[in-house]
N, C-alpha and C. Protein backbone atom coordinates (compact mmCIF):
# COMPACT_ATOMS: atom_id res chain seq x y z
N MET A 1 33.76 17.84 -36.17
CA MET A 1 32.58 17.70 -35.30
C MET A 1 31.96 18.93 -34.92
N GLU A 2 30.64 19.02 -34.99
CA GLU A 2 30.00 20.37 -34.50
C GLU A 2 30.08 20.52 -33.11
N ARG A 3 30.26 21.69 -32.55
CA ARG A 3 29.95 21.90 -31.17
C ARG A 3 28.49 22.41 -30.93
N ARG A 4 28.07 22.16 -29.73
CA ARG A 4 26.65 22.41 -29.28
C ARG A 4 26.12 23.74 -29.73
N GLY A 5 26.91 24.74 -29.55
CA GLY A 5 26.67 26.00 -29.92
C GLY A 5 26.38 26.35 -31.37
N GLU A 6 26.87 25.51 -32.19
CA GLU A 6 26.87 25.73 -33.66
C GLU A 6 25.78 24.92 -34.46
N ARG A 7 24.88 24.21 -33.57
CA ARG A 7 23.69 23.47 -34.13
C ARG A 7 22.67 24.27 -34.46
N SER A 8 21.77 23.92 -35.26
CA SER A 8 20.68 24.74 -35.84
C SER A 8 19.41 24.60 -34.77
N ILE A 9 18.49 25.59 -34.83
CA ILE A 9 17.44 25.44 -33.90
C ILE A 9 16.77 24.12 -34.05
N GLY A 10 16.55 23.74 -35.30
CA GLY A 10 15.79 22.58 -35.72
C GLY A 10 16.41 21.22 -34.96
N GLU A 11 17.91 21.28 -34.87
CA GLU A 11 18.52 20.22 -34.37
C GLU A 11 18.27 20.29 -32.77
N LEU A 12 18.41 21.48 -32.35
CA LEU A 12 18.23 21.59 -30.90
C LEU A 12 16.80 21.17 -30.45
N PHE A 13 15.74 21.48 -31.16
CA PHE A 13 14.47 21.09 -30.79
C PHE A 13 14.25 19.61 -30.92
N SER A 14 15.02 19.03 -31.79
CA SER A 14 15.02 17.54 -32.19
C SER A 14 15.50 16.96 -30.90
N GLU A 15 16.69 17.39 -30.56
CA GLU A 15 17.39 16.77 -29.32
C GLU A 15 16.53 16.98 -28.20
N LEU A 16 15.93 18.19 -27.86
CA LEU A 16 15.12 18.49 -26.74
C LEU A 16 13.88 17.45 -26.78
N ALA A 17 13.29 17.25 -27.96
CA ALA A 17 12.16 16.22 -28.11
C ALA A 17 12.54 14.93 -27.75
N ASN A 18 13.70 14.58 -28.30
CA ASN A 18 14.13 13.13 -27.96
C ASN A 18 14.42 12.91 -26.43
N GLU A 19 15.17 13.87 -25.79
CA GLU A 19 15.45 13.85 -24.30
C GLU A 19 14.12 13.80 -23.49
N THR A 20 13.18 14.80 -24.07
CA THR A 20 11.87 14.85 -23.16
C THR A 20 11.23 13.56 -23.36
N THR A 21 11.14 12.89 -24.53
CA THR A 21 10.58 11.52 -24.70
C THR A 21 11.16 10.62 -23.81
N LEU A 22 12.54 10.50 -23.81
CA LEU A 22 13.14 9.54 -22.90
C LEU A 22 12.86 10.02 -21.48
N LEU A 23 12.91 11.10 -21.07
CA LEU A 23 12.63 11.50 -19.77
C LEU A 23 11.15 11.01 -19.31
N VAL A 24 10.26 11.19 -20.29
CA VAL A 24 8.86 10.78 -19.93
C VAL A 24 8.73 9.27 -19.73
N ARG A 25 9.32 8.59 -20.61
CA ARG A 25 9.41 7.12 -20.57
C ARG A 25 10.06 6.58 -19.21
N GLN A 26 11.22 7.32 -18.84
CA GLN A 26 11.76 6.80 -17.50
C GLN A 26 10.71 7.23 -16.34
N GLU A 27 10.03 8.33 -16.41
CA GLU A 27 9.01 8.82 -15.35
C GLU A 27 8.00 7.84 -15.28
N VAL A 28 7.48 7.37 -16.45
CA VAL A 28 6.52 6.36 -16.48
C VAL A 28 6.89 4.97 -15.84
N GLN A 29 8.03 4.58 -16.17
CA GLN A 29 8.81 3.39 -15.43
C GLN A 29 8.80 3.58 -14.07
N LEU A 30 9.34 4.86 -13.63
CA LEU A 30 9.46 4.96 -12.01
C LEU A 30 8.07 4.92 -11.43
N ALA A 31 7.03 5.44 -12.03
CA ALA A 31 5.61 5.59 -11.54
C ALA A 31 5.20 4.00 -11.36
N LYS A 32 5.47 3.13 -12.52
CA LYS A 32 5.05 1.78 -12.40
C LYS A 32 5.65 1.07 -11.33
N VAL A 33 7.08 1.23 -11.02
CA VAL A 33 7.79 0.78 -9.92
C VAL A 33 7.17 1.08 -8.52
N GLU A 34 6.99 2.28 -8.52
CA GLU A 34 6.51 2.87 -7.12
C GLU A 34 5.05 2.33 -6.97
N LEU A 35 4.21 2.39 -7.84
CA LEU A 35 2.83 1.92 -7.62
C LEU A 35 2.84 0.36 -7.28
N SER A 36 3.75 -0.32 -8.08
CA SER A 36 3.64 -1.82 -7.75
C SER A 36 4.17 -2.26 -6.39
N GLN A 37 5.08 -1.38 -5.88
CA GLN A 37 5.63 -1.55 -4.43
C GLN A 37 4.49 -1.09 -3.60
N LYS A 38 3.72 -0.30 -3.68
CA LYS A 38 2.67 0.21 -2.86
C LYS A 38 1.60 -0.85 -3.02
N ALA A 39 1.35 -1.45 -4.19
CA ALA A 39 0.40 -2.43 -4.35
C ALA A 39 0.71 -3.75 -3.60
N ALA A 40 1.90 -4.00 -3.59
CA ALA A 40 2.47 -5.08 -2.82
C ALA A 40 2.17 -5.00 -1.39
N LYS A 41 2.52 -3.72 -0.96
CA LYS A 41 2.17 -3.57 0.63
C LYS A 41 0.74 -3.61 0.72
N VAL A 42 -0.06 -3.13 0.02
CA VAL A 42 -1.55 -3.23 0.14
C VAL A 42 -2.00 -4.67 0.22
N GLY A 43 -1.43 -5.48 -0.63
CA GLY A 43 -1.71 -6.96 -0.66
C GLY A 43 -1.31 -7.55 0.58
N LYS A 44 -0.08 -7.20 1.11
CA LYS A 44 0.40 -7.83 2.35
C LYS A 44 -0.57 -7.47 3.47
N GLN A 45 -1.02 -6.22 3.54
CA GLN A 45 -1.88 -5.69 4.58
C GLN A 45 -3.32 -6.51 4.42
N VAL A 46 -3.68 -6.69 3.28
CA VAL A 46 -4.95 -7.39 3.23
C VAL A 46 -4.79 -8.75 3.55
N GLY A 47 -3.71 -9.43 3.22
CA GLY A 47 -3.40 -10.85 3.66
C GLY A 47 -3.47 -10.92 5.29
N LEU A 48 -2.70 -9.84 5.83
CA LEU A 48 -2.66 -9.88 7.36
C LEU A 48 -4.06 -9.65 7.94
N ILE A 49 -4.95 -8.82 7.23
CA ILE A 49 -6.31 -8.73 7.78
C ILE A 49 -6.97 -10.23 7.88
N GLY A 50 -6.87 -10.79 6.75
CA GLY A 50 -7.34 -12.25 6.66
C GLY A 50 -6.77 -13.06 7.63
N LEU A 51 -5.46 -13.02 7.89
CA LEU A 51 -4.75 -13.79 8.85
C LEU A 51 -5.29 -13.46 10.38
N GLY A 52 -5.56 -12.18 10.63
CA GLY A 52 -6.12 -11.85 11.76
C GLY A 52 -7.52 -12.54 12.10
N GLY A 53 -8.29 -12.53 10.99
CA GLY A 53 -9.52 -13.23 11.13
C GLY A 53 -9.34 -14.73 11.32
N ALA A 54 -8.62 -15.33 10.65
CA ALA A 54 -8.41 -16.74 10.74
C ALA A 54 -7.82 -17.09 12.06
N VAL A 55 -6.86 -16.23 12.62
CA VAL A 55 -6.32 -16.67 13.94
C VAL A 55 -7.41 -16.39 15.12
N ALA A 56 -8.32 -15.40 14.78
CA ALA A 56 -9.48 -15.13 15.80
C ALA A 56 -10.34 -16.42 15.77
N TYR A 57 -10.48 -16.92 14.68
CA TYR A 57 -11.42 -18.16 14.43
C TYR A 57 -10.78 -19.44 14.90
N ALA A 58 -9.60 -19.76 14.33
CA ALA A 58 -9.00 -21.06 14.44
C ALA A 58 -8.12 -21.10 15.61
N GLY A 59 -7.42 -20.03 16.00
CA GLY A 59 -6.59 -19.96 17.11
C GLY A 59 -7.39 -20.07 18.55
N PHE A 60 -8.55 -19.82 18.56
CA PHE A 60 -9.46 -19.88 19.72
C PHE A 60 -10.51 -20.86 19.58
N LEU A 61 -10.74 -21.63 18.59
CA LEU A 61 -11.88 -22.52 18.47
C LEU A 61 -11.81 -23.59 19.44
N ALA A 62 -10.61 -24.21 19.62
CA ALA A 62 -10.54 -25.37 20.62
C ALA A 62 -10.81 -24.78 22.09
N LEU A 63 -10.18 -23.53 22.32
CA LEU A 63 -10.33 -22.99 23.65
C LEU A 63 -11.75 -22.56 23.93
N VAL A 64 -12.51 -22.30 22.97
CA VAL A 64 -13.89 -21.64 23.14
C VAL A 64 -14.67 -22.72 23.71
N ALA A 65 -14.55 -24.00 23.25
CA ALA A 65 -15.35 -25.20 23.96
C ALA A 65 -15.10 -25.35 25.30
N ALA A 66 -13.74 -25.24 25.51
CA ALA A 66 -13.20 -25.68 26.98
C ALA A 66 -13.63 -24.44 27.98
N VAL A 67 -13.48 -23.29 27.43
CA VAL A 67 -13.99 -22.11 28.23
C VAL A 67 -15.47 -22.26 28.61
N ILE A 68 -16.21 -22.53 27.50
CA ILE A 68 -17.63 -22.50 27.68
C ILE A 68 -17.99 -23.66 28.61
N MET A 69 -17.40 -24.77 28.50
CA MET A 69 -17.55 -25.76 29.58
C MET A 69 -17.25 -25.40 30.92
N LEU A 70 -16.06 -24.85 31.10
CA LEU A 70 -15.71 -24.36 32.37
C LEU A 70 -16.55 -23.37 33.05
N ILE A 71 -16.99 -22.33 32.20
CA ILE A 71 -17.97 -21.36 32.70
C ILE A 71 -19.32 -21.96 32.96
N GLY A 72 -19.69 -22.93 32.23
CA GLY A 72 -20.92 -23.69 32.32
C GLY A 72 -21.05 -24.37 33.58
N GLU A 73 -20.04 -24.64 34.29
CA GLU A 73 -20.09 -25.18 35.62
C GLU A 73 -20.76 -24.30 36.67
N TYR A 74 -20.75 -22.98 36.36
CA TYR A 74 -21.05 -21.79 37.33
C TYR A 74 -22.40 -21.30 36.84
N ILE A 75 -22.55 -21.20 35.51
CA ILE A 75 -23.76 -20.44 34.97
C ILE A 75 -24.30 -21.33 33.81
N ALA A 76 -25.46 -20.91 33.43
CA ALA A 76 -26.04 -21.66 32.36
C ALA A 76 -25.22 -21.75 30.98
N LEU A 77 -25.19 -22.94 30.33
CA LEU A 77 -24.37 -23.00 29.40
C LEU A 77 -24.47 -22.05 28.12
N TRP A 78 -25.79 -21.54 27.96
CA TRP A 78 -26.09 -20.66 26.90
C TRP A 78 -25.39 -19.35 27.24
N LEU A 79 -25.50 -18.90 28.33
CA LEU A 79 -24.83 -17.52 28.87
C LEU A 79 -23.41 -17.68 28.65
N ALA A 80 -22.69 -18.75 29.16
CA ALA A 80 -21.26 -19.08 29.01
C ALA A 80 -20.93 -18.94 27.53
N ALA A 81 -21.71 -19.48 26.69
CA ALA A 81 -21.36 -19.52 25.35
C ALA A 81 -21.37 -18.02 24.71
N LEU A 82 -22.37 -17.34 25.17
CA LEU A 82 -22.67 -15.97 24.59
C LEU A 82 -21.37 -15.08 25.23
N ILE A 83 -20.99 -15.27 26.58
CA ILE A 83 -19.85 -14.49 26.97
C ILE A 83 -18.46 -14.82 26.15
N VAL A 84 -18.31 -16.10 25.98
CA VAL A 84 -17.02 -16.52 25.30
C VAL A 84 -17.21 -16.08 23.79
N GLY A 85 -18.23 -16.17 23.37
CA GLY A 85 -18.35 -15.56 21.80
C GLY A 85 -18.15 -14.05 21.67
N ILE A 86 -18.53 -13.48 22.64
CA ILE A 86 -18.36 -11.95 22.54
C ILE A 86 -16.87 -11.61 22.64
N VAL A 87 -16.29 -12.44 23.61
CA VAL A 87 -14.64 -12.06 23.76
C VAL A 87 -13.96 -12.48 22.63
N VAL A 88 -14.38 -13.62 21.94
CA VAL A 88 -13.61 -14.08 20.80
C VAL A 88 -13.90 -13.09 19.54
N MET A 89 -15.05 -12.62 19.40
CA MET A 89 -15.33 -11.67 18.49
C MET A 89 -14.51 -10.34 18.63
N GLY A 90 -14.39 -10.05 19.82
CA GLY A 90 -13.73 -8.74 20.29
C GLY A 90 -12.10 -9.06 19.83
N ILE A 91 -11.50 -10.04 20.15
CA ILE A 91 -10.19 -10.39 19.68
C ILE A 91 -9.99 -10.16 18.20
N GLY A 92 -10.82 -10.90 17.44
CA GLY A 92 -10.90 -10.99 15.92
C GLY A 92 -10.96 -9.38 15.42
N TYR A 93 -11.90 -8.72 16.06
CA TYR A 93 -12.06 -7.25 15.68
C TYR A 93 -10.69 -6.52 15.84
N VAL A 94 -10.19 -6.66 17.04
CA VAL A 94 -8.95 -5.73 17.38
C VAL A 94 -7.77 -6.13 16.33
N LEU A 95 -7.68 -7.41 15.97
CA LEU A 95 -6.67 -7.88 15.02
C LEU A 95 -6.91 -7.29 13.61
N SER A 96 -8.10 -7.36 13.26
CA SER A 96 -8.47 -6.84 11.87
C SER A 96 -8.47 -5.24 11.91
N LYS A 97 -8.89 -4.75 13.01
CA LYS A 97 -8.91 -3.31 13.01
C LYS A 97 -7.43 -2.69 12.82
N GLN A 98 -6.57 -3.18 13.43
CA GLN A 98 -5.22 -2.73 13.38
C GLN A 98 -4.74 -2.69 11.86
N GLN A 99 -5.01 -3.70 11.12
CA GLN A 99 -4.50 -3.87 9.84
C GLN A 99 -5.33 -2.86 8.95
N LEU A 100 -6.64 -2.68 9.25
CA LEU A 100 -7.39 -1.77 8.42
C LEU A 100 -7.04 -0.40 8.76
N ASP A 101 -6.51 0.06 9.89
CA ASP A 101 -6.04 1.35 10.29
C ASP A 101 -4.74 1.58 9.57
N GLU A 102 -3.74 0.50 9.36
CA GLU A 102 -2.66 0.64 8.74
C GLU A 102 -2.84 0.95 7.15
N LEU A 103 -3.83 0.26 6.67
CA LEU A 103 -4.26 0.58 5.37
C LEU A 103 -4.75 2.02 5.01
N LYS A 104 -5.45 2.51 6.02
CA LYS A 104 -6.10 3.88 5.88
C LYS A 104 -4.85 4.95 6.08
N ARG A 105 -3.74 4.75 6.65
CA ARG A 105 -2.77 5.61 6.85
C ARG A 105 -1.88 5.60 5.67
N MET A 106 -1.80 4.54 4.82
CA MET A 106 -0.85 4.34 3.73
C MET A 106 -1.21 5.28 2.78
N ASP A 107 -0.37 5.97 2.02
CA ASP A 107 -0.76 7.05 1.04
C ASP A 107 -0.13 6.40 -0.37
N PRO A 108 -1.13 6.14 -1.28
CA PRO A 108 -0.81 5.52 -2.42
C PRO A 108 -0.22 6.43 -3.54
N THR A 109 0.04 7.80 -3.29
CA THR A 109 0.50 8.64 -4.17
C THR A 109 1.92 8.44 -4.52
N PRO A 110 2.22 8.21 -5.78
CA PRO A 110 3.80 7.99 -6.25
C PRO A 110 4.60 9.26 -6.04
N LYS A 111 4.96 9.57 -4.69
CA LYS A 111 5.46 10.95 -4.44
C LYS A 111 6.90 11.21 -5.09
N ALA A 112 7.68 10.11 -5.25
CA ALA A 112 8.84 10.32 -5.94
C ALA A 112 8.88 10.75 -7.40
N THR A 113 7.74 10.20 -8.04
CA THR A 113 7.50 10.45 -9.44
C THR A 113 6.99 11.75 -9.55
N ILE A 114 6.17 12.27 -8.76
CA ILE A 114 5.56 13.57 -8.89
C ILE A 114 6.76 14.62 -8.60
N GLU A 115 7.73 14.25 -7.61
CA GLU A 115 8.84 15.19 -7.43
C GLU A 115 9.71 15.40 -8.66
N THR A 116 9.96 14.14 -9.13
CA THR A 116 10.86 14.16 -10.44
C THR A 116 10.14 14.93 -11.67
N LEU A 117 8.91 14.57 -11.71
CA LEU A 117 8.11 15.39 -12.77
C LEU A 117 8.24 16.93 -12.62
N LYS A 118 8.14 17.45 -11.37
CA LYS A 118 8.30 18.84 -11.12
C LYS A 118 9.72 19.24 -11.59
N GLN A 119 10.80 18.40 -11.10
CA GLN A 119 12.14 18.83 -11.61
C GLN A 119 12.28 18.88 -13.06
N ASP A 120 11.66 17.85 -13.76
CA ASP A 120 11.71 17.66 -15.28
C ASP A 120 10.92 18.91 -15.95
N LYS A 121 9.96 19.38 -15.36
CA LYS A 121 9.15 20.66 -15.82
C LYS A 121 10.13 21.69 -15.79
N GLU A 122 10.85 21.92 -14.63
CA GLU A 122 11.72 23.12 -14.56
C GLU A 122 12.94 22.93 -15.53
N TRP A 123 13.45 21.64 -15.70
CA TRP A 123 14.42 21.51 -16.61
C TRP A 123 14.10 21.75 -17.98
N ALA A 124 13.06 21.33 -18.47
CA ALA A 124 12.46 21.68 -19.71
C ALA A 124 12.18 23.23 -20.00
N LYS A 125 11.86 23.93 -19.08
CA LYS A 125 11.69 25.33 -19.03
C LYS A 125 13.14 25.96 -19.30
N GLU A 126 14.14 25.48 -18.51
CA GLU A 126 15.42 25.99 -18.65
C GLU A 126 16.05 25.76 -20.07
N GLN A 127 15.60 24.62 -20.65
CA GLN A 127 16.14 24.22 -22.09
C GLN A 127 15.48 25.16 -23.08
N LEU A 128 14.33 25.62 -22.83
CA LEU A 128 13.71 26.49 -23.83
C LEU A 128 14.14 27.92 -23.70
N ARG A 129 14.76 28.34 -22.74
CA ARG A 129 15.38 29.59 -22.59
C ARG A 129 16.52 29.92 -23.46
């Protein structure tokens, strides 16, 4: 059996090419996994934005009529409806804004993949020395 030091340059380059190909495939797989995880998180945040809007609408819908009627005992009904409408819109805005801010803070860059690619580049340089 040949030892590593006794192989020809062609064999060494062939092995290097095979290992580099395998490494690139593994890096691509890592990037896919990392990006799909980030995409799932984005999907969750988008869903929560929708949920915030639905809660702002459905959660307060029954209360809106009651509050308008209560305030309507003291001021004009149209003014009571305007005040309550502004408050409900504010609550919906706050719920949605929180999730939008979370999406803006999220970094979609596949950092682990970039770091390992840098390491792979250094490894490949070492192999060519």
